[in-house]
C-alpha atoms as a PDB file:
ATOM      1  CA  MET A   1     -14.403 100.327  20.245  1.00  0.00           C
ATOM      2  CA  GLY A   2     -12.544 102.099  21.852  1.00  0.00           C
ATOM      3  CA  ASN A   3     -12.640 103.719  25.233  1.00  0.00           C
ATOM      4  CA  ARG A   4      -9.891 105.727  25.481  1.00  0.00           C
ATOM      5  CA  LEU A   5      -9.392 109.002  27.805  1.00  0.00           C
ATOM      6  CA  HIS A   6      -9.917 112.385  26.017  1.00  0.00           C
ATOM      7  CA  VAL A   7     -10.042 116.133  27.111  1.00  0.00           C
ATOM      8  CA  ALA A   8     -12.097 118.998  26.615  1.00  0.00           C
ATOM      9  CA  SER A   9     -10.813 121.257  24.190  1.00  0.00           C
ATOM     10  CA  THR A  10     -13.028 124.054  24.881  1.00  0.00           C
ATOM     11  CA  TYR A  11     -14.839 124.413  28.229  1.00  0.00           C
ATOM     12  CA  ASN A  12     -16.531 127.896  29.049  1.00  0.00           C
ATOM     13  CA  VAL A  13     -17.721 128.191  33.107  1.00  0.00           C
ATOM     14  CA  LYS A  14     -19.023 131.552  33.944  1.00  0.00           C
ATOM     15  CA  TRP A  15     -19.928 131.298  37.688  1.00  0.00           C
ATOM     16  CA  ASN A  16     -22.937 133.266  38.913  1.00  0.00           C
ATOM     17  CA  ASN A  17     -22.415 135.868  41.686  1.00  0.00           C
ATOM     18  CA  GLU A  18     -24.553 134.717  44.279  1.00  0.00           C
ATOM     19  CA  GLY A  19     -22.335 132.388  47.214  1.00  0.00           C
ATOM     20  CA  HIS A  20     -23.213 131.231  50.281  1.00  0.00           C
ATOM     21  CA  PHE A  21     -21.906 129.098  52.815  1.00  0.00           C
ATOM     22  CA  ASP A  22     -17.983 130.764  53.654  1.00  0.00           C
ATOM     23  CA  TRP A  23     -15.690 127.994  53.782  1.00  0.00           C
ATOM     24  CA  LYS A  24     -18.093 125.685  54.821  1.00  0.00           C
ATOM     25  CA  SER A  25     -17.444 122.881  52.466  1.00  0.00           C
ATOM     26  CA  CYS A  26     -17.818 119.782  54.829  1.00  0.00           C
ATOM     27  CA  GLU A  27     -21.069 121.305  56.107  1.00  0.00           C
ATOM     28  CA  PHE A  28     -22.540 121.333  52.937  1.00  0.00           C
ATOM     29  CA  HIS A  29     -21.654 118.113  52.083  1.00  0.00           C
ATOM     30  CA  GLU A  30     -22.965 117.333  55.325  1.00  0.00           C
ATOM     31  CA  PHE A  31     -26.685 118.932  54.282  1.00  0.00           C
ATOM     32  CA  LEU A  32     -26.733 117.169  51.203  1.00  0.00           C
ATOM     33  CA  SER A  33     -25.930 113.630  52.936  1.00  0.00           C
ATOM     34  CA  ALA A  34     -29.051 115.067  55.195  1.00  0.00           C
ATOM     35  CA  LEU A  35     -30.992 114.811  52.048  1.00  0.00           C
ATOM     36  CA  ASP A  36     -29.910 112.140  50.476  1.00  0.00           C
ATOM     37  CA  ILE A  37     -28.253 114.207  48.019  1.00  0.00           C
ATOM     38  CA  GLU A  38     -25.099 112.431  46.268  1.00  0.00           C
ATOM     39  CA  PRO A  39     -22.433 114.495  44.530  1.00  0.00           C
ATOM     40  CA  THR A  40     -21.436 113.294  41.233  1.00  0.00           C
ATOM     41  CA  GLY A  41     -17.948 111.691  40.986  1.00  0.00           C
ATOM     42  CA  SER A  42     -17.519 111.803  44.829  1.00  0.00           C
ATOM     43  CA  ASP A  43     -15.471 109.535  46.809  1.00  0.00           C
ATOM     44  CA  ARG A  44     -15.790 110.473  50.407  1.00  0.00           C
ATOM     45  CA  THR A  45     -12.624 107.423  51.075  1.00  0.00           C
ATOM     46  CA  CYS A  46     -10.395 110.162  49.378  1.00  0.00           C
ATOM     47  CA  ASP A  47     -12.116 113.434  49.607  1.00  0.00           C
ATOM     48  CA  PRO A  48     -14.940 113.574  52.165  1.00  0.00           C
ATOM     49  CA  CYS A  49     -15.629 117.369  51.547  1.00  0.00           C
ATOM     50  CA  PRO A  50     -14.667 118.163  47.677  1.00  0.00           C
ATOM     51  CA  TRP A  51     -14.274 121.680  46.686  1.00  0.00           C
ATOM     52  CA  ASP A  52     -15.849 120.921  43.628  1.00  0.00           C
ATOM     53  CA  PHE A  53     -18.791 118.953  42.169  1.00  0.00           C
ATOM     54  CA  GLU A  54     -22.040 118.121  40.668  1.00  0.00           C
ATOM     55  CA  ILE A  55     -25.162 117.470  41.616  1.00  0.00           C
ATOM     56  CA  SER A  56     -28.281 115.790  39.154  1.00  0.00           C
ATOM     57  CA  LYS A  57     -30.833 118.457  38.945  1.00  0.00           C
ATOM     58  CA  GLU A  58     -33.733 115.693  39.460  1.00  0.00           C
ATOM     59  CA  GLU A  59     -31.622 115.219  42.958  1.00  0.00           C
ATOM     60  CA  TRP A  60     -31.620 118.986  43.591  1.00  0.00           C
ATOM     61  CA  GLU A  61     -35.246 119.119  42.943  1.00  0.00           C
ATOM     62  CA  SER A  62     -35.902 116.345  45.345  1.00  0.00           C
ATOM     63  CA  GLY A  63     -33.655 118.175  47.942  1.00  0.00           C
ATOM     64  CA  ILE A  64     -36.139 120.831  47.469  1.00  0.00           C
ATOM     65  CA  GLY A  65     -38.989 119.079  47.919  1.00  0.00           C
ATOM     66  CA  LYS A  66     -38.112 117.313  51.235  1.00  0.00           C
ATOM     67  CA  LEU A  67     -37.497 120.916  52.667  1.00  0.00           C
ATOM     68  CA  LYS A  68     -40.923 121.903  51.570  1.00  0.00           C
ATOM     69  CA  ALA A  69     -42.048 118.600  53.517  1.00  0.00           C
ATOM     70  CA  PHE A  70     -39.629 118.760  56.265  1.00  0.00           C
ATOM     71  CA  ASN A  71     -42.884 118.010  58.553  1.00  0.00           C
ATOM     72  CA  THR A  72     -43.787 115.297  57.342  1.00  0.00           C
ATOM     73  CA  LEU A  73     -40.120 113.427  56.787  1.00  0.00           C
ATOM     74  CA  PRO A  74     -39.061 110.573  59.754  1.00  0.00           C
ATOM     75  CA  VAL A  75     -37.947 112.301  62.811  1.00  0.00           C
ATOM     76  CA  GLN A  76     -34.245 110.591  62.220  1.00  0.00           C
ATOM     77  CA  GLN A  77     -34.293 112.632  58.590  1.00  0.00           C
ATOM     78  CA  GLN A  78     -35.577 115.999  60.138  1.00  0.00           C
ATOM     79  CA  ALA A  79     -33.294 116.149  62.773  1.00  0.00           C
ATOM     80  CA  HIS A  80     -29.933 115.349  60.689  1.00  0.00           C
ATOM     81  CA  ILE A  81     -31.213 118.229  58.326  1.00  0.00           C
ATOM     82  CA  THR A  82     -31.780 120.584  61.388  1.00  0.00           C
ATOM     83  CA  VAL A  83     -28.401 119.493  63.151  1.00  0.00           C
ATOM     84  CA  ALA A  84     -26.665 120.215  59.345  1.00  0.00           C
ATOM     85  CA  LEU A  85     -28.947 123.791  59.062  1.00  0.00           C
ATOM     86  CA  THR A  86     -27.577 125.372  61.961  1.00  0.00           C
ATOM     87  CA  GLN A  87     -24.152 124.021  60.889  1.00  0.00           C
ATOM     88  CA  LEU A  88     -24.542 126.371  58.114  1.00  0.00           C
ATOM     89  CA  GLU A  89     -26.488 128.882  59.942  1.00  0.00           C
ATOM     90  CA  THR A  90     -29.048 128.777  58.048  1.00  0.00           C
ATOM     91  CA  THR A  91     -33.090 128.059  58.051  1.00  0.00           C
ATOM     92  CA  ILE A  92     -35.019 126.034  56.206  1.00  0.00           C
ATOM     93  CA  PRO A  93     -36.980 129.094  54.506  1.00  0.00           C
ATOM     94  CA  ASP A  94     -33.686 130.845  53.874  1.00  0.00           C
ATOM     95  CA  MET A  95     -32.303 127.317  52.576  1.00  0.00           C
ATOM     96  CA  ILE A  96     -35.001 126.665  50.113  1.00  0.00           C
ATOM     97  CA  SER A  97     -34.421 129.766  48.833  1.00  0.00           C
ATOM     98  CA  ILE A  98     -31.069 129.789  47.883  1.00  0.00           C
ATOM     99  CA  MET A  99     -31.463 126.277  46.438  1.00  0.00           C
ATOM    100  CA  GLU A 100     -34.348 127.577  43.853  1.00  0.00           C
ATOM    101  CA  SER A 101     -31.777 130.362  42.957  1.00  0.00           C
ATOM    102  CA  TYR A 102     -28.925 128.123  42.630  1.00  0.00           C
ATOM    103  CA  MET A 103     -31.454 125.876  40.304  1.00  0.00           C
ATOM    104  CA  LYS A 104     -32.910 129.068  38.668  1.00  0.00           C
ATOM    105  CA  ASN A 105     -28.989 130.522  37.455  1.00  0.00           C
ATOM    106  CA  SER A 106     -28.094 127.261  36.321  1.00  0.00           C
ATOM    107  CA  ASP A 107     -27.517 126.205  32.991  1.00  0.00           C
ATOM    108  CA  PRO A 108     -30.724 125.239  31.286  1.00  0.00           C
ATOM    109  CA  ALA A 109     -29.110 123.221  28.639  1.00  0.00           C
ATOM    110  CA  TRP A 110     -27.204 120.485  31.411  1.00  0.00           C
ATOM    111  CA  GLU A 111     -28.735 118.587  33.640  1.00  0.00           C
ATOM    112  CA  TYR A 112     -26.308 118.704  36.627  1.00  0.00           C
ATOM    113  CA  LEU A 113     -25.681 121.950  39.260  1.00  0.00           C
ATOM    114  CA  GLU A 114     -21.841 122.789  38.721  1.00  0.00           C
ATOM    115  CA  PHE A 115     -20.657 123.737  42.154  1.00  0.00           C
ATOM    116  CA  ALA A 116     -17.152 125.020  43.519  1.00  0.00           C
ATOM    117  CA  PHE A 117     -15.883 126.571  46.511  1.00  0.00           C
ATOM    118  CA  PHE A 118     -13.321 129.411  45.683  1.00  0.00           C
END
């Protein structure tokens, strides 16, 4: 069996019109960290705040659940999330709404949410 590098011959991406967090890639990644969400393929030693990345839907839903249960989280995690949301200039209810909207508008046939800042 081989294990050779290949390139996709067809890759069709249609981006949703919804956009948030203008020029706040690092702040968004800090928010993900606060929720224990790890983007796939991220190598924080090379680029701590990549402009394009993907997140498993399972982890994304877990993050939404943590925000909904914010008051039951450990105090240290609450503080980390609060700082991250302040840097993003948003609130818990607004972030839950944004995250649910991104989930709803993601490709239902793909198990990841594909993100890009542009």
